[in-house]
Amino acid sequence: MPEELDQFDRRIMALMQEDASRSTAEIAELVGMSQSPCWRRIQRLKDEGYICRQVAIVDRRKVGLNAQVFALVKLTMHGRQNLEEFAGTIRTYPEVLECHVLMGAFDFLIRVVAADIDAYHSFFFEKLSRLPGVQEVNSVISLSEIKSTTALPL
């Protein structure tokens, strides 16, 4: 943890990770400071990039995205151009929530949401497997979610 972050900064960020819709007055009260200094700290944390953005987290099941699949992708060639082309295309797919570059037997790990397994099947055959350079895809279907959070341990 960077030294320039004190206990108040960490507590402010923790509270905002729980619920960013809290008012500055409520956050100030919970961290034990007055509203103005708390507001200045929040602004500094935003300006310095510690707080990147504030979003609403939507329940995927409530909006009909019942299937969650993790796909391990191996490319045929590992040249920089192939990796960048794959990454650029995968960014355009709204079904893909996350994409990570890996070291090891596979090149990418992607997290995909879909209405159901049939919808993932369509995504797989119509989009993912047709990308240039894709050699192998191993899909792992999530049966249930034990833990899912966006909150970092501060």
N, C-alpha and C. Protein backbone atom coordinates (compact mmCIF):
# COMPACT_ATOMS: atom_id res chain seq x y z
N MET A 1 0.86 -1.18 0.00
CA MET A 1 0.00 0.00 0.00
C MET A 1 0.90 1.24 0.00
N PRO A 2 0.70 2.15 -0.92
CA PRO A 2 1.53 3.35 -0.97
C PRO A 2 1.49 4.13 0.35
N GLU A 3 2.64 4.66 0.73
CA GLU A 3 2.75 5.39 2.00
C GLU A 3 1.91 6.65 2.02
N GLU A 4 1.64 7.25 0.84
CA GLU A 4 0.87 8.49 0.81
C GLU A 4 -0.61 8.28 1.15
N LEU A 5 -1.04 7.02 1.26
CA LEU A 5 -2.41 6.72 1.66
C LEU A 5 -2.44 6.43 3.15
N ASP A 6 -3.19 7.22 3.89
CA ASP A 6 -3.29 6.98 5.33
C ASP A 6 -4.55 6.18 5.64
N GLN A 7 -4.83 5.97 6.93
CA GLN A 7 -5.97 5.15 7.33
C GLN A 7 -7.30 5.77 6.87
N PHE A 8 -7.38 7.10 6.81
CA PHE A 8 -8.61 7.74 6.35
C PHE A 8 -8.84 7.48 4.86
N ASP A 9 -7.77 7.62 4.07
CA ASP A 9 -7.89 7.35 2.63
C ASP A 9 -8.34 5.91 2.38
N ARG A 10 -7.71 4.97 3.07
CA ARG A 10 -8.06 3.56 2.90
C ARG A 10 -9.50 3.29 3.32
N ARG A 11 -9.93 3.90 4.41
CA ARG A 11 -11.30 3.70 4.89
C ARG A 11 -12.31 4.32 3.93
N ILE A 12 -12.00 5.51 3.41
CA ILE A 12 -12.87 6.16 2.42
C ILE A 12 -13.04 5.27 1.20
N MET A 13 -11.92 4.75 0.68
CA MET A 13 -12.00 3.89 -0.50
C MET A 13 -12.76 2.61 -0.20
N ALA A 14 -12.55 2.03 0.97
CA ALA A 14 -13.27 0.80 1.34
C ALA A 14 -14.78 1.07 1.38
N LEU A 15 -15.18 2.18 1.99
CA LEU A 15 -16.60 2.52 2.06
C LEU A 15 -17.19 2.78 0.68
N MET A 16 -16.43 3.44 -0.18
CA MET A 16 -16.92 3.72 -1.53
C MET A 16 -17.00 2.45 -2.37
N GLN A 17 -16.12 1.48 -2.10
CA GLN A 17 -16.21 0.20 -2.80
C GLN A 17 -17.47 -0.55 -2.39
N GLU A 18 -17.88 -0.41 -1.14
CA GLU A 18 -19.11 -1.06 -0.67
C GLU A 18 -20.33 -0.42 -1.31
N ASP A 19 -20.35 0.93 -1.34
CA ASP A 19 -21.52 1.65 -1.85
C ASP A 19 -21.09 3.07 -2.23
N ALA A 20 -20.83 3.27 -3.50
CA ALA A 20 -20.37 4.58 -3.98
C ALA A 20 -21.47 5.61 -4.04
N SER A 21 -22.71 5.20 -3.78
CA SER A 21 -23.80 6.17 -3.79
C SER A 21 -23.94 6.90 -2.45
N ARG A 22 -23.14 6.52 -1.46
CA ARG A 22 -23.17 7.24 -0.18
C ARG A 22 -22.80 8.70 -0.39
N SER A 23 -23.41 9.57 0.38
CA SER A 23 -23.08 10.99 0.31
C SER A 23 -21.74 11.23 0.99
N THR A 24 -21.12 12.34 0.65
CA THR A 24 -19.87 12.72 1.30
C THR A 24 -20.08 12.88 2.80
N ALA A 25 -21.22 13.43 3.19
CA ALA A 25 -21.52 13.60 4.62
C ALA A 25 -21.57 12.25 5.33
N GLU A 26 -22.18 11.26 4.70
CA GLU A 26 -22.26 9.93 5.31
C GLU A 26 -20.87 9.28 5.41
N ILE A 27 -20.09 9.40 4.35
CA ILE A 27 -18.73 8.85 4.38
C ILE A 27 -17.91 9.54 5.46
N ALA A 28 -18.00 10.85 5.53
CA ALA A 28 -17.26 11.63 6.53
C ALA A 28 -17.61 11.16 7.94
N GLU A 29 -18.89 10.96 8.20
CA GLU A 29 -19.32 10.51 9.51
C GLU A 29 -18.77 9.12 9.83
N LEU A 30 -18.80 8.23 8.84
CA LEU A 30 -18.32 6.86 9.06
C LEU A 30 -16.81 6.77 9.27
N VAL A 31 -16.05 7.71 8.68
CA VAL A 31 -14.59 7.69 8.88
C VAL A 31 -14.15 8.59 10.02
N GLY A 32 -15.08 9.39 10.56
CA GLY A 32 -14.75 10.23 11.70
C GLY A 32 -14.05 11.54 11.36
N MET A 33 -14.52 12.21 10.32
CA MET A 33 -13.97 13.51 9.97
C MET A 33 -15.10 14.40 9.49
N SER A 34 -14.82 15.68 9.34
CA SER A 34 -15.86 16.59 8.87
C SER A 34 -16.00 16.46 7.35
N GLN A 35 -17.09 17.01 6.84
CA GLN A 35 -17.45 16.81 5.44
C GLN A 35 -16.45 17.44 4.46
N SER A 36 -16.01 18.66 4.71
CA SER A 36 -15.12 19.34 3.75
C SER A 36 -13.78 18.61 3.56
N PRO A 37 -13.08 18.26 4.65
CA PRO A 37 -11.84 17.51 4.44
C PRO A 37 -12.07 16.16 3.77
N CYS A 38 -13.18 15.53 4.07
CA CYS A 38 -13.51 14.25 3.45
C CYS A 38 -13.73 14.44 1.95
N TRP A 39 -14.47 15.47 1.57
CA TRP A 39 -14.71 15.76 0.16
C TRP A 39 -13.38 16.00 -0.57
N ARG A 40 -12.47 16.77 0.07
CA ARG A 40 -11.16 17.04 -0.54
C ARG A 40 -10.37 15.75 -0.73
N ARG A 41 -10.42 14.87 0.25
CA ARG A 41 -9.73 13.59 0.13
C ARG A 41 -10.31 12.75 -1.02
N ILE A 42 -11.62 12.71 -1.12
CA ILE A 42 -12.25 11.96 -2.20
C ILE A 42 -11.83 12.53 -3.55
N GLN A 43 -11.84 13.86 -3.67
CA GLN A 43 -11.41 14.50 -4.91
C GLN A 43 -9.96 14.17 -5.23
N ARG A 44 -9.08 14.21 -4.21
CA ARG A 44 -7.66 13.88 -4.42
C ARG A 44 -7.51 12.43 -4.87
N LEU A 45 -8.25 11.52 -4.24
CA LEU A 45 -8.18 10.11 -4.62
C LEU A 45 -8.64 9.91 -6.06
N LYS A 46 -9.61 10.68 -6.49
CA LYS A 46 -10.06 10.61 -7.89
C LYS A 46 -9.01 11.23 -8.82
N ASP A 47 -8.53 12.42 -8.46
CA ASP A 47 -7.55 13.12 -9.30
C ASP A 47 -6.27 12.32 -9.48
N GLU A 48 -5.86 11.60 -8.43
CA GLU A 48 -4.62 10.83 -8.49
C GLU A 48 -4.83 9.42 -9.05
N GLY A 49 -6.07 9.10 -9.42
CA GLY A 49 -6.34 7.82 -10.08
C GLY A 49 -6.55 6.63 -9.16
N TYR A 50 -6.61 6.85 -7.85
CA TYR A 50 -6.90 5.73 -6.95
C TYR A 50 -8.34 5.27 -7.13
N ILE A 51 -9.24 6.22 -7.29
CA ILE A 51 -10.63 5.91 -7.61
C ILE A 51 -10.78 6.18 -9.10
N CYS A 52 -10.93 5.12 -9.87
CA CYS A 52 -10.96 5.23 -11.34
C CYS A 52 -12.31 5.68 -11.87
N ARG A 53 -13.35 5.11 -11.32
CA ARG A 53 -14.70 5.46 -11.76
C ARG A 53 -15.70 4.91 -10.76
N GLN A 54 -16.92 5.42 -10.82
CA GLN A 54 -18.00 4.95 -9.97
C GLN A 54 -19.07 4.38 -10.88
N VAL A 55 -19.49 3.15 -10.59
CA VAL A 55 -20.44 2.45 -11.45
C VAL A 55 -21.52 1.77 -10.62
N ALA A 56 -22.59 1.38 -11.28
CA ALA A 56 -23.61 0.54 -10.66
C ALA A 56 -23.32 -0.90 -11.05
N ILE A 57 -23.40 -1.80 -10.12
CA ILE A 57 -23.18 -3.22 -10.41
C ILE A 57 -24.55 -3.85 -10.60
N VAL A 58 -24.78 -4.36 -11.80
CA VAL A 58 -26.06 -4.94 -12.18
C VAL A 58 -26.02 -6.45 -11.95
N ASP A 59 -27.08 -7.00 -11.39
CA ASP A 59 -27.19 -8.44 -11.18
C ASP A 59 -27.40 -9.10 -12.53
N ARG A 60 -26.42 -9.87 -12.99
CA ARG A 60 -26.49 -10.45 -14.33
C ARG A 60 -27.68 -11.38 -14.49
N ARG A 61 -28.03 -12.10 -13.45
CA ARG A 61 -29.17 -13.03 -13.55
C ARG A 61 -30.50 -12.29 -13.70
N LYS A 62 -30.61 -11.15 -13.02
CA LYS A 62 -31.85 -10.36 -13.11
C LYS A 62 -32.09 -9.85 -14.54
N VAL A 63 -31.00 -9.66 -15.30
CA VAL A 63 -31.14 -9.18 -16.67
C VAL A 63 -31.04 -10.33 -17.68
N GLY A 64 -31.14 -11.57 -17.18
CA GLY A 64 -31.22 -12.72 -18.08
C GLY A 64 -29.90 -13.30 -18.54
N LEU A 65 -28.80 -12.94 -17.90
CA LEU A 65 -27.49 -13.51 -18.26
C LEU A 65 -27.15 -14.60 -17.24
N ASN A 66 -27.73 -15.77 -17.45
CA ASN A 66 -27.66 -16.85 -16.47
C ASN A 66 -26.42 -17.73 -16.58
N ALA A 67 -25.75 -17.70 -17.71
CA ALA A 67 -24.57 -18.54 -17.89
C ALA A 67 -23.31 -17.69 -17.78
N GLN A 68 -22.34 -18.23 -17.05
CA GLN A 68 -21.03 -17.59 -16.94
C GLN A 68 -19.99 -18.65 -17.30
N VAL A 69 -19.15 -18.32 -18.26
CA VAL A 69 -18.18 -19.28 -18.78
C VAL A 69 -16.79 -18.65 -18.75
N PHE A 70 -15.83 -19.44 -18.34
CA PHE A 70 -14.42 -19.04 -18.40
C PHE A 70 -13.79 -19.82 -19.55
N ALA A 71 -13.18 -19.11 -20.48
CA ALA A 71 -12.59 -19.76 -21.64
C ALA A 71 -11.09 -19.49 -21.66
N LEU A 72 -10.34 -20.56 -21.78
CA LEU A 72 -8.90 -20.50 -21.93
C LEU A 72 -8.60 -20.58 -23.43
N VAL A 73 -7.90 -19.59 -23.94
CA VAL A 73 -7.67 -19.49 -25.38
C VAL A 73 -6.19 -19.59 -25.68
N LYS A 74 -5.87 -20.45 -26.65
CA LYS A 74 -4.48 -20.58 -27.13
C LYS A 74 -4.46 -20.13 -28.58
N LEU A 75 -3.49 -19.28 -28.91
CA LEU A 75 -3.33 -18.83 -30.28
C LEU A 75 -2.30 -19.70 -31.00
N THR A 76 -2.39 -19.73 -32.33
CA THR A 76 -1.46 -20.55 -33.10
C THR A 76 -0.05 -19.96 -33.09
N MET A 77 0.02 -18.63 -33.13
CA MET A 77 1.32 -17.97 -33.14
C MET A 77 1.32 -16.91 -32.07
N HIS A 78 2.47 -16.69 -31.46
CA HIS A 78 2.56 -15.78 -30.32
C HIS A 78 3.16 -14.43 -30.67
N GLY A 79 3.19 -14.10 -31.95
CA GLY A 79 3.73 -12.80 -32.33
C GLY A 79 2.92 -11.67 -31.73
N ARG A 80 3.57 -10.56 -31.52
CA ARG A 80 2.92 -9.39 -30.92
C ARG A 80 1.68 -8.97 -31.71
N GLN A 81 1.75 -9.05 -33.02
CA GLN A 81 0.62 -8.65 -33.85
C GLN A 81 -0.59 -9.55 -33.59
N ASN A 82 -0.39 -10.88 -33.47
CA ASN A 82 -1.49 -11.79 -33.21
C ASN A 82 -2.14 -11.50 -31.86
N LEU A 83 -1.32 -11.27 -30.85
CA LEU A 83 -1.85 -10.97 -29.52
C LEU A 83 -2.65 -9.68 -29.54
N GLU A 84 -2.12 -8.64 -30.18
CA GLU A 84 -2.81 -7.36 -30.24
C GLU A 84 -4.09 -7.43 -31.06
N GLU A 85 -4.08 -8.19 -32.13
CA GLU A 85 -5.28 -8.35 -32.96
C GLU A 85 -6.37 -9.08 -32.17
N PHE A 86 -6.00 -10.14 -31.48
CA PHE A 86 -6.97 -10.87 -30.67
C PHE A 86 -7.53 -9.95 -29.58
N ALA A 87 -6.65 -9.27 -28.87
CA ALA A 87 -7.08 -8.39 -27.78
C ALA A 87 -7.99 -7.28 -28.30
N GLY A 88 -7.65 -6.69 -29.42
CA GLY A 88 -8.47 -5.62 -29.98
C GLY A 88 -9.86 -6.10 -30.35
N THR A 89 -9.95 -7.28 -30.92
CA THR A 89 -11.26 -7.82 -31.31
C THR A 89 -12.06 -8.22 -30.08
N ILE A 90 -11.44 -8.85 -29.12
CA ILE A 90 -12.16 -9.34 -27.94
C ILE A 90 -12.75 -8.18 -27.15
N ARG A 91 -12.10 -7.02 -27.18
CA ARG A 91 -12.62 -5.83 -26.50
C ARG A 91 -13.96 -5.38 -27.07
N THR A 92 -14.24 -5.72 -28.31
CA THR A 92 -15.49 -5.28 -28.95
C THR A 92 -16.68 -6.19 -28.62
N TYR A 93 -16.45 -7.32 -28.01
CA TYR A 93 -17.53 -8.26 -27.70
C TYR A 93 -18.14 -7.94 -26.34
N PRO A 94 -19.39 -7.51 -26.30
CA PRO A 94 -20.00 -7.16 -25.02
C PRO A 94 -20.18 -8.37 -24.09
N GLU A 95 -20.21 -9.57 -24.65
CA GLU A 95 -20.35 -10.78 -23.84
C GLU A 95 -19.12 -11.04 -22.97
N VAL A 96 -17.98 -10.50 -23.40
CA VAL A 96 -16.73 -10.71 -22.67
C VAL A 96 -16.59 -9.62 -21.62
N LEU A 97 -16.63 -10.04 -20.35
CA LEU A 97 -16.51 -9.08 -19.25
C LEU A 97 -15.07 -8.86 -18.83
N GLU A 98 -14.25 -9.88 -18.99
CA GLU A 98 -12.84 -9.77 -18.62
C GLU A 98 -12.00 -10.55 -19.62
N CYS A 99 -10.79 -10.08 -19.83
CA CYS A 99 -9.82 -10.79 -20.66
C CYS A 99 -8.45 -10.56 -20.05
N HIS A 100 -7.74 -11.65 -19.80
CA HIS A 100 -6.43 -11.58 -19.17
C HIS A 100 -5.41 -12.30 -20.04
N VAL A 101 -4.24 -11.72 -20.18
CA VAL A 101 -3.12 -12.38 -20.85
C VAL A 101 -2.47 -13.29 -19.83
N LEU A 102 -2.18 -14.51 -20.25
CA LEU A 102 -1.61 -15.51 -19.34
C LEU A 102 -0.20 -15.90 -19.74
N MET A 103 0.52 -16.45 -18.78
CA MET A 103 1.78 -17.13 -19.05
C MET A 103 1.50 -18.60 -18.84
N GLY A 104 2.01 -19.44 -19.70
CA GLY A 104 1.78 -20.87 -19.54
C GLY A 104 1.21 -21.49 -20.79
N ALA A 105 0.41 -22.53 -20.61
CA ALA A 105 -0.10 -23.32 -21.73
C ALA A 105 -1.11 -22.55 -22.59
N PHE A 106 -1.80 -21.57 -22.01
CA PHE A 106 -2.78 -20.79 -22.75
C PHE A 106 -2.36 -19.33 -22.77
N ASP A 107 -2.88 -18.60 -23.74
CA ASP A 107 -2.50 -17.21 -23.92
C ASP A 107 -3.45 -16.22 -23.25
N PHE A 108 -4.75 -16.57 -23.19
CA PHE A 108 -5.75 -15.68 -22.63
C PHE A 108 -6.75 -16.45 -21.78
N LEU A 109 -7.27 -15.77 -20.78
CA LEU A 109 -8.42 -16.24 -20.02
C LEU A 109 -9.49 -15.19 -20.19
N ILE A 110 -10.65 -15.60 -20.66
CA ILE A 110 -11.75 -14.64 -20.79
C ILE A 110 -12.94 -15.11 -19.97
N ARG A 111 -13.68 -14.13 -19.45
CA ARG A 111 -14.92 -14.42 -18.72
C ARG A 111 -16.06 -13.92 -19.57
N VAL A 112 -16.97 -14.83 -19.88
CA VAL A 112 -18.06 -14.54 -20.80
C VAL A 112 -19.38 -14.76 -20.08
N VAL A 113 -20.35 -13.88 -20.31
CA VAL A 113 -21.70 -14.10 -19.81
C VAL A 113 -22.64 -14.22 -21.02
N ALA A 114 -23.66 -15.05 -20.82
CA ALA A 114 -24.64 -15.29 -21.88
C ALA A 114 -25.97 -15.66 -21.24
N ALA A 115 -27.02 -15.59 -22.03
CA ALA A 115 -28.34 -15.92 -21.50
C ALA A 115 -28.39 -17.36 -21.01
N ASP A 116 -27.78 -18.25 -21.77
CA ASP A 116 -27.78 -19.67 -21.42
C ASP A 116 -26.65 -20.35 -22.19
N ILE A 117 -26.55 -21.67 -22.06
CA ILE A 117 -25.47 -22.39 -22.73
C ILE A 117 -25.65 -22.34 -24.26
N ASP A 118 -26.87 -22.33 -24.73
CA ASP A 118 -27.10 -22.20 -26.17
C ASP A 118 -26.56 -20.86 -26.69
N ALA A 119 -26.76 -19.81 -25.93
CA ALA A 119 -26.25 -18.49 -26.33
C ALA A 119 -24.72 -18.50 -26.32
N TYR A 120 -24.10 -19.16 -25.33
CA TYR A 120 -22.64 -19.28 -25.32
C TYR A 120 -22.18 -20.09 -26.53
N HIS A 121 -22.92 -21.15 -26.84
CA HIS A 121 -22.60 -21.98 -28.00
C HIS A 121 -22.54 -21.11 -29.26
N SER A 122 -23.52 -20.25 -29.43
CA SER A 122 -23.54 -19.34 -30.59
C SER A 122 -22.35 -18.38 -30.55
N PHE A 123 -22.08 -17.80 -29.38
CA PHE A 123 -20.93 -16.91 -29.25
C PHE A 123 -19.65 -17.64 -29.62
N PHE A 124 -19.50 -18.85 -29.11
CA PHE A 124 -18.30 -19.63 -29.36
C PHE A 124 -18.11 -19.90 -30.85
N PHE A 125 -19.15 -20.42 -31.50
CA PHE A 125 -19.00 -20.82 -32.90
C PHE A 125 -19.07 -19.65 -33.88
N GLU A 126 -19.80 -18.61 -33.56
CA GLU A 126 -19.95 -17.50 -34.49
C GLU A 126 -18.89 -16.40 -34.31
N LYS A 127 -18.31 -16.31 -33.12
CA LYS A 127 -17.35 -15.24 -32.86
C LYS A 127 -15.98 -15.78 -32.42
N LEU A 128 -15.94 -16.36 -31.24
CA LEU A 128 -14.66 -16.70 -30.61
C LEU A 128 -13.82 -17.65 -31.46
N SER A 129 -14.38 -18.76 -31.89
CA SER A 129 -13.60 -19.75 -32.63
C SER A 129 -13.23 -19.29 -34.03
N ARG A 130 -13.87 -18.24 -34.52
CA ARG A 130 -13.58 -17.72 -35.86
C ARG A 130 -12.50 -16.65 -35.88
N LEU A 131 -12.04 -16.24 -34.72
CA LEU A 131 -10.99 -15.22 -34.68
C LEU A 131 -9.71 -15.78 -35.30
N PRO A 132 -9.03 -14.97 -36.11
CA PRO A 132 -7.79 -15.44 -36.71
C PRO A 132 -6.77 -15.82 -35.64
N GLY A 133 -6.13 -16.94 -35.85
CA GLY A 133 -5.07 -17.36 -34.96
C GLY A 133 -5.51 -18.17 -33.76
N VAL A 134 -6.80 -18.37 -33.56
CA VAL A 134 -7.27 -19.16 -32.42
C VAL A 134 -7.04 -20.63 -32.75
N GLN A 135 -6.22 -21.26 -31.94
CA GLN A 135 -5.90 -22.67 -32.13
C GLN A 135 -6.76 -23.57 -31.27
N GLU A 136 -6.98 -23.14 -30.03
CA GLU A 136 -7.68 -24.00 -29.08
C GLU A 136 -8.42 -23.13 -28.07
N VAL A 137 -9.62 -23.59 -27.69
CA VAL A 137 -10.40 -22.93 -26.64
C VAL A 137 -10.92 -24.01 -25.72
N ASN A 138 -10.61 -23.89 -24.45
CA ASN A 138 -11.16 -24.78 -23.43
C ASN A 138 -12.13 -23.96 -22.60
N SER A 139 -13.41 -24.32 -22.67
CA SER A 139 -14.45 -23.60 -21.94
C SER A 139 -14.80 -24.32 -20.66
N VAL A 140 -14.92 -23.55 -19.59
CA VAL A 140 -15.29 -24.08 -18.28
C VAL A 140 -16.53 -23.33 -17.84
N ILE A 141 -17.61 -24.08 -17.59
CA ILE A 141 -18.88 -23.47 -17.22
C ILE A 141 -18.96 -23.36 -15.70
N SER A 142 -19.29 -22.18 -15.24
CA SER A 142 -19.47 -21.94 -13.81
C SER A 142 -20.85 -22.43 -13.40
N LEU A 143 -20.90 -23.37 -12.46
CA LEU A 143 -22.19 -23.89 -11.98
C LEU A 143 -22.81 -22.97 -10.94
N SER A 144 -21.98 -22.41 -10.06
CA SER A 144 -22.48 -21.46 -9.07
C SER A 144 -21.33 -20.55 -8.67
N GLU A 145 -21.71 -19.41 -8.14
CA GLU A 145 -20.73 -18.40 -7.74
C GLU A 145 -20.61 -18.41 -6.23
N ILE A 146 -19.43 -18.70 -5.73
CA ILE A 146 -19.19 -18.75 -4.30
C ILE A 146 -18.87 -17.35 -3.78
N LYS A 147 -18.05 -16.63 -4.52
CA LYS A 147 -17.68 -15.26 -4.14
C LYS A 147 -17.47 -14.45 -5.40
N SER A 148 -18.04 -13.27 -5.41
CA SER A 148 -17.82 -12.33 -6.50
C SER A 148 -17.82 -10.93 -5.91
N THR A 149 -16.74 -10.23 -6.07
CA THR A 149 -16.63 -8.88 -5.52
C THR A 149 -15.78 -8.02 -6.44
N THR A 150 -15.99 -6.75 -6.34
CA THR A 150 -15.13 -5.80 -7.03
C THR A 150 -14.27 -5.05 -6.02
N ALA A 151 -14.51 -5.30 -4.73
CA ALA A 151 -13.81 -4.58 -3.67
C ALA A 151 -12.40 -5.14 -3.45
N LEU A 152 -11.42 -4.26 -3.50
CA LEU A 152 -10.04 -4.66 -3.23
C LEU A 152 -9.80 -4.66 -1.72
N PRO A 153 -8.92 -5.54 -1.25
CA PRO A 153 -8.62 -5.57 0.19
C PRO A 153 -7.70 -4.41 0.58
N LEU A 154 -8.27 -3.39 1.17
CA LEU A 154 -7.49 -2.20 1.53
C LEU A 154 -7.14 -2.22 3.00
